[in-house]
Amino acid sequence: MAFTAKVRHVGDVAVVDLDGRITLGESTGILRDTLRSLLAQGNKSIVLNMAGVGYVDSAGLGELVGVYTTAKNQGGSVKLLHLQKKLNDLLQVTKLHTIFESFDNEQQAIASFDKAASA
C-alpha cells in the first residue's frame, strides 16, 4: 500500500492525514516534503493525524523527530493525533513522548495551539 499524506486546514492549523507505513524510503520523503512545503507556506501549527499509520521504523521515527526540529527551528509546532498503541509504546520506550504532544481528539489538538499562543 502506498503511503499518503493529505493536508487539510482547520482554521490556522494544518492537519496532515497520514496513511500507511512510515519507513525508510518513499514514505519518509513524502512526510519530509509535505512538512517542508507547509512550513514554506507559513503554516506554523501542524497536526499529524496518525490514525492510518500502523507501523513506523527507526527511519520513520527519525523523520518525525526531524520534522519536529525543522518546525521548531522555524517557530512552528508539530503535534501528533490518534497514535496507535504500537507507536505510542515506541514513543514511550524512546522517551520521545517527552517532546511530542499527542492527542486522541482532533478538536483538543487544534485548540492546544490557541492555548500555546495565549500562554
N, C-alpha and C. Protein backbone atom coordinates (compact mmCIF):
# COMPACT_ATOMS: atom_id res chain seq x y z
N MET A 1 0.84 -1.19 0.00
CA MET A 1 0.00 0.00 0.00
C MET A 1 0.89 1.25 0.00
N ALA A 2 0.56 2.19 -0.85
CA ALA A 2 1.35 3.41 -0.95
C ALA A 2 1.06 4.33 0.24
N PHE A 3 2.08 5.00 0.69
CA PHE A 3 1.96 5.94 1.79
C PHE A 3 1.38 7.25 1.25
N THR A 4 0.41 7.83 1.98
CA THR A 4 -0.15 9.10 1.55
C THR A 4 -0.16 10.10 2.70
N ALA A 5 -0.06 11.38 2.33
CA ALA A 5 -0.15 12.47 3.30
C ALA A 5 -1.08 13.51 2.69
N LYS A 6 -2.29 13.60 3.24
CA LYS A 6 -3.29 14.55 2.72
C LYS A 6 -3.42 15.71 3.70
N VAL A 7 -3.29 16.91 3.18
CA VAL A 7 -3.34 18.10 4.03
C VAL A 7 -4.72 18.74 3.95
N ARG A 8 -5.25 19.09 5.11
CA ARG A 8 -6.48 19.89 5.17
C ARG A 8 -6.27 20.95 6.25
N HIS A 9 -7.00 22.05 6.11
CA HIS A 9 -6.82 23.15 7.07
C HIS A 9 -8.06 23.31 7.93
N VAL A 10 -7.82 23.42 9.23
CA VAL A 10 -8.89 23.71 10.17
C VAL A 10 -8.49 25.02 10.84
N GLY A 11 -9.08 26.11 10.38
CA GLY A 11 -8.66 27.42 10.87
C GLY A 11 -7.21 27.66 10.47
N ASP A 12 -6.37 28.01 11.44
CA ASP A 12 -4.95 28.28 11.17
C ASP A 12 -4.10 27.03 11.27
N VAL A 13 -4.72 25.90 11.55
CA VAL A 13 -3.97 24.65 11.78
C VAL A 13 -4.01 23.77 10.53
N ALA A 14 -2.82 23.29 10.14
CA ALA A 14 -2.74 22.33 9.03
C ALA A 14 -2.79 20.93 9.63
N VAL A 15 -3.80 20.16 9.23
CA VAL A 15 -3.92 18.77 9.69
C VAL A 15 -3.47 17.88 8.54
N VAL A 16 -2.48 17.03 8.81
CA VAL A 16 -1.95 16.13 7.78
C VAL A 16 -2.42 14.71 8.12
N ASP A 17 -3.33 14.18 7.28
CA ASP A 17 -3.82 12.83 7.48
C ASP A 17 -2.84 11.86 6.83
N LEU A 18 -2.15 11.08 7.65
CA LEU A 18 -1.15 10.13 7.15
C LEU A 18 -1.77 8.75 7.06
N ASP A 19 -1.42 8.02 6.02
CA ASP A 19 -1.96 6.69 5.84
C ASP A 19 -0.87 5.77 5.26
N GLY A 20 -0.62 4.68 5.97
CA GLY A 20 0.39 3.73 5.51
C GLY A 20 1.50 3.58 6.52
N ARG A 21 2.59 2.98 6.09
CA ARG A 21 3.74 2.73 6.97
C ARG A 21 4.78 3.83 6.75
N ILE A 22 5.33 4.34 7.86
CA ILE A 22 6.40 5.34 7.75
C ILE A 22 7.72 4.59 7.91
N THR A 23 8.34 4.31 6.77
CA THR A 23 9.57 3.53 6.76
C THR A 23 10.60 4.21 5.85
N LEU A 24 11.84 3.76 5.95
CA LEU A 24 12.90 4.31 5.13
C LEU A 24 12.52 4.25 3.66
N GLY A 25 12.72 5.35 2.97
CA GLY A 25 12.41 5.36 1.54
C GLY A 25 11.36 6.40 1.20
N GLU A 26 10.42 5.98 0.35
CA GLU A 26 9.44 6.92 -0.20
C GLU A 26 8.59 7.61 0.87
N SER A 27 8.12 6.85 1.87
CA SER A 27 7.21 7.44 2.85
C SER A 27 7.89 8.53 3.69
N THR A 28 9.16 8.32 4.07
CA THR A 28 9.84 9.37 4.84
C THR A 28 10.05 10.60 3.97
N GLY A 29 10.29 10.40 2.67
CA GLY A 29 10.44 11.51 1.74
C GLY A 29 9.15 12.30 1.58
N ILE A 30 8.03 11.58 1.47
CA ILE A 30 6.72 12.23 1.34
C ILE A 30 6.43 13.04 2.60
N LEU A 31 6.68 12.45 3.76
CA LEU A 31 6.45 13.14 5.02
C LEU A 31 7.30 14.41 5.10
N ARG A 32 8.57 14.29 4.81
CA ARG A 32 9.50 15.43 4.87
C ARG A 32 9.07 16.53 3.90
N ASP A 33 8.78 16.15 2.66
CA ASP A 33 8.40 17.14 1.64
C ASP A 33 7.10 17.84 2.00
N THR A 34 6.14 17.09 2.51
CA THR A 34 4.84 17.68 2.89
C THR A 34 5.04 18.72 3.98
N LEU A 35 5.83 18.36 5.00
CA LEU A 35 6.03 19.28 6.13
C LEU A 35 6.84 20.50 5.71
N ARG A 36 7.87 20.29 4.89
CA ARG A 36 8.67 21.44 4.42
C ARG A 36 7.81 22.39 3.61
N SER A 37 6.95 21.84 2.78
CA SER A 37 6.05 22.64 1.96
C SER A 37 5.10 23.46 2.85
N LEU A 38 4.53 22.83 3.88
CA LEU A 38 3.63 23.54 4.79
C LEU A 38 4.35 24.69 5.49
N LEU A 39 5.56 24.42 5.98
CA LEU A 39 6.34 25.46 6.67
C LEU A 39 6.70 26.59 5.71
N ALA A 40 7.05 26.23 4.48
CA ALA A 40 7.41 27.23 3.48
C ALA A 40 6.22 28.14 3.16
N GLN A 41 5.01 27.58 3.27
CA GLN A 41 3.80 28.36 3.02
C GLN A 41 3.37 29.16 4.24
N GLY A 42 4.14 29.05 5.32
CA GLY A 42 3.83 29.83 6.52
C GLY A 42 2.94 29.13 7.53
N ASN A 43 2.68 27.83 7.33
CA ASN A 43 1.90 27.08 8.31
C ASN A 43 2.79 26.73 9.49
N LYS A 44 2.49 27.29 10.65
CA LYS A 44 3.32 27.05 11.84
C LYS A 44 2.70 26.04 12.80
N SER A 45 1.39 25.84 12.68
CA SER A 45 0.67 24.90 13.56
C SER A 45 0.29 23.68 12.76
N ILE A 46 0.93 22.55 13.07
CA ILE A 46 0.75 21.34 12.27
C ILE A 46 0.38 20.16 13.17
N VAL A 47 -0.69 19.46 12.78
CA VAL A 47 -1.10 18.25 13.48
C VAL A 47 -0.91 17.08 12.52
N LEU A 48 -0.18 16.07 12.95
CA LEU A 48 -0.03 14.86 12.15
C LEU A 48 -1.05 13.84 12.65
N ASN A 49 -2.05 13.55 11.82
CA ASN A 49 -3.06 12.56 12.18
C ASN A 49 -2.52 11.18 11.83
N MET A 50 -2.18 10.42 12.87
CA MET A 50 -1.51 9.12 12.68
C MET A 50 -2.49 7.94 12.70
N ALA A 51 -3.79 8.23 12.61
CA ALA A 51 -4.80 7.16 12.70
C ALA A 51 -4.56 6.05 11.68
N GLY A 52 -4.09 6.40 10.49
CA GLY A 52 -3.89 5.41 9.44
C GLY A 52 -2.50 4.81 9.39
N VAL A 53 -1.66 5.17 10.39
CA VAL A 53 -0.28 4.69 10.40
C VAL A 53 -0.16 3.49 11.33
N GLY A 54 0.07 2.31 10.73
CA GLY A 54 0.16 1.10 11.52
C GLY A 54 1.57 0.73 11.93
N TYR A 55 2.55 1.32 11.26
CA TYR A 55 3.94 0.92 11.53
C TYR A 55 4.89 2.07 11.23
N VAL A 56 5.85 2.25 12.14
CA VAL A 56 6.90 3.24 11.94
C VAL A 56 8.22 2.57 12.27
N ASP A 57 9.19 2.59 11.33
CA ASP A 57 10.50 2.01 11.63
C ASP A 57 11.43 3.10 12.17
N SER A 58 12.69 2.74 12.41
CA SER A 58 13.62 3.70 13.01
C SER A 58 13.83 4.92 12.11
N ALA A 59 13.83 4.71 10.79
CA ALA A 59 13.99 5.84 9.87
C ALA A 59 12.76 6.74 9.94
N GLY A 60 11.58 6.13 10.06
CA GLY A 60 10.34 6.89 10.18
C GLY A 60 10.32 7.70 11.46
N LEU A 61 10.80 7.08 12.54
CA LEU A 61 10.88 7.78 13.83
C LEU A 61 11.86 8.95 13.72
N GLY A 62 12.99 8.71 13.06
CA GLY A 62 13.97 9.77 12.85
C GLY A 62 13.38 10.91 12.04
N GLU A 63 12.55 10.57 11.05
CA GLU A 63 11.92 11.59 10.21
C GLU A 63 10.94 12.42 11.03
N LEU A 64 10.20 11.77 11.93
CA LEU A 64 9.27 12.51 12.80
C LEU A 64 10.03 13.50 13.67
N VAL A 65 11.17 13.07 14.21
CA VAL A 65 12.00 13.95 15.02
C VAL A 65 12.55 15.09 14.16
N GLY A 66 12.97 14.77 12.93
CA GLY A 66 13.49 15.78 12.02
C GLY A 66 12.44 16.83 11.68
N VAL A 67 11.22 16.38 11.44
CA VAL A 67 10.10 17.26 11.12
C VAL A 67 9.81 18.18 12.32
N TYR A 68 9.81 17.59 13.51
CA TYR A 68 9.58 18.36 14.74
C TYR A 68 10.65 19.45 14.90
N THR A 69 11.91 19.07 14.71
CA THR A 69 13.03 20.00 14.87
C THR A 69 12.98 21.12 13.83
N THR A 70 12.71 20.75 12.57
CA THR A 70 12.61 21.74 11.49
C THR A 70 11.52 22.76 11.82
N ALA A 71 10.35 22.26 12.23
CA ALA A 71 9.23 23.16 12.55
C ALA A 71 9.60 24.07 13.72
N LYS A 72 10.19 23.49 14.76
CA LYS A 72 10.56 24.26 15.95
C LYS A 72 11.56 25.36 15.60
N ASN A 73 12.54 25.02 14.76
CA ASN A 73 13.55 26.00 14.35
C ASN A 73 12.95 27.14 13.53
N GLN A 74 11.79 26.89 12.93
CA GLN A 74 11.12 27.92 12.13
C GLN A 74 9.96 28.56 12.89
N GLY A 75 9.94 28.35 14.19
CA GLY A 75 8.89 28.96 15.03
C GLY A 75 7.56 28.24 14.94
N GLY A 76 7.59 27.01 14.46
CA GLY A 76 6.36 26.24 14.33
C GLY A 76 6.25 25.17 15.39
N SER A 77 5.20 24.39 15.28
CA SER A 77 4.95 23.33 16.25
C SER A 77 4.26 22.17 15.56
N VAL A 78 4.68 20.95 15.90
CA VAL A 78 4.08 19.74 15.34
C VAL A 78 3.53 18.91 16.50
N LYS A 79 2.27 18.52 16.39
CA LYS A 79 1.64 17.68 17.41
C LYS A 79 1.09 16.43 16.74
N LEU A 80 0.97 15.37 17.53
CA LEU A 80 0.52 14.09 16.99
C LEU A 80 -0.90 13.78 17.43
N LEU A 81 -1.65 13.14 16.54
CA LEU A 81 -3.05 12.83 16.80
C LEU A 81 -3.31 11.36 16.50
N HIS A 82 -4.15 10.74 17.31
CA HIS A 82 -4.60 9.36 17.10
C HIS A 82 -3.45 8.36 16.94
N LEU A 83 -2.55 8.33 17.93
CA LEU A 83 -1.46 7.36 17.88
C LEU A 83 -2.00 5.97 18.14
N GLN A 84 -1.58 5.01 17.32
CA GLN A 84 -1.93 3.62 17.59
C GLN A 84 -1.05 3.13 18.73
N LYS A 85 -1.52 2.10 19.43
CA LYS A 85 -0.83 1.64 20.63
C LYS A 85 0.65 1.34 20.39
N LYS A 86 0.96 0.68 19.28
CA LYS A 86 2.36 0.32 18.98
C LYS A 86 3.25 1.56 18.91
N LEU A 87 2.77 2.60 18.22
CA LEU A 87 3.55 3.82 18.08
C LEU A 87 3.64 4.55 19.41
N ASN A 88 2.55 4.57 20.17
CA ASN A 88 2.56 5.19 21.48
C ASN A 88 3.60 4.52 22.38
N ASP A 89 3.62 3.18 22.35
CA ASP A 89 4.60 2.41 23.13
C ASP A 89 6.01 2.74 22.69
N LEU A 90 6.21 2.86 21.37
CA LEU A 90 7.53 3.17 20.81
C LEU A 90 8.00 4.55 21.30
N LEU A 91 7.08 5.52 21.32
CA LEU A 91 7.44 6.86 21.80
C LEU A 91 7.79 6.83 23.29
N GLN A 92 7.10 5.99 24.05
CA GLN A 92 7.40 5.86 25.48
C GLN A 92 8.80 5.27 25.68
N VAL A 93 9.08 4.17 24.97
CA VAL A 93 10.36 3.47 25.10
C VAL A 93 11.53 4.37 24.72
N THR A 94 11.34 5.15 23.64
CA THR A 94 12.42 6.01 23.14
C THR A 94 12.46 7.37 23.85
N LYS A 95 11.51 7.58 24.77
CA LYS A 95 11.38 8.84 25.52
C LYS A 95 10.98 10.02 24.63
N LEU A 96 10.54 9.73 23.40
CA LEU A 96 10.14 10.81 22.50
C LEU A 96 8.78 11.39 22.89
N HIS A 97 8.04 10.68 23.76
CA HIS A 97 6.76 11.23 24.23
C HIS A 97 6.99 12.52 25.02
N THR A 98 8.24 12.75 25.43
CA THR A 98 8.54 13.97 26.18
C THR A 98 8.64 15.19 25.26
N ILE A 99 8.88 14.99 23.96
CA ILE A 99 8.95 16.14 23.05
C ILE A 99 7.68 16.30 22.23
N PHE A 100 7.01 15.20 21.92
CA PHE A 100 5.80 15.28 21.12
C PHE A 100 4.58 15.38 22.01
N GLU A 101 3.76 16.40 21.77
CA GLU A 101 2.47 16.46 22.43
C GLU A 101 1.53 15.63 21.58
N SER A 102 0.80 14.70 22.21
CA SER A 102 -0.10 13.86 21.41
C SER A 102 -1.52 13.91 21.98
N PHE A 103 -2.47 13.72 21.08
CA PHE A 103 -3.88 13.86 21.43
C PHE A 103 -4.68 12.71 20.82
N ASP A 104 -5.83 12.40 21.45
CA ASP A 104 -6.76 11.40 20.91
C ASP A 104 -7.96 12.09 20.28
N ASN A 105 -8.02 13.41 20.41
CA ASN A 105 -9.18 14.17 19.95
C ASN A 105 -8.70 15.33 19.08
N GLU A 106 -9.21 15.40 17.86
CA GLU A 106 -8.73 16.41 16.91
C GLU A 106 -9.03 17.83 17.39
N GLN A 107 -10.22 18.06 17.95
CA GLN A 107 -10.56 19.40 18.43
C GLN A 107 -9.60 19.85 19.53
N GLN A 108 -9.25 18.93 20.43
CA GLN A 108 -8.32 19.26 21.52
C GLN A 108 -6.94 19.58 20.96
N ALA A 109 -6.51 18.81 19.96
CA ALA A 109 -5.20 19.04 19.34
C ALA A 109 -5.16 20.43 18.71
N ILE A 110 -6.22 20.78 17.99
CA ILE A 110 -6.28 22.09 17.33
C ILE A 110 -6.36 23.21 18.36
N ALA A 111 -7.20 23.02 19.39
CA ALA A 111 -7.36 24.03 20.44
C ALA A 111 -6.07 24.25 21.22
N SER A 112 -5.21 23.22 21.28
CA SER A 112 -3.97 23.33 22.06
C SER A 112 -3.03 24.39 21.50
N PHE A 113 -3.15 24.69 20.19
CA PHE A 113 -2.30 25.74 19.60
C PHE A 113 -2.73 27.10 20.11
N ASP A 114 -4.04 27.31 20.29
CA ASP A 114 -4.53 28.58 20.83
C ASP A 114 -4.02 28.80 22.24
N LYS A 115 -4.03 27.71 23.03
CA LYS A 115 -3.53 27.81 24.41
C LYS A 115 -2.06 28.19 24.42
N ALA A 116 -1.29 27.57 23.52
CA ALA A 116 0.16 27.85 23.47
C ALA A 116 0.39 29.31 23.07
N ALA A 117 -0.41 29.83 22.15
CA ALA A 117 -0.24 31.19 21.68
C ALA A 117 -0.59 32.21 22.77
N SER A 118 -1.58 31.87 23.59
CA SER A 118 -2.01 32.83 24.62
C SER A 118 -1.26 32.65 25.93
N ALA A 119 -0.48 31.58 26.04
CA ALA A 119 0.25 31.31 27.29
C ALA A 119 1.42 32.25 27.46
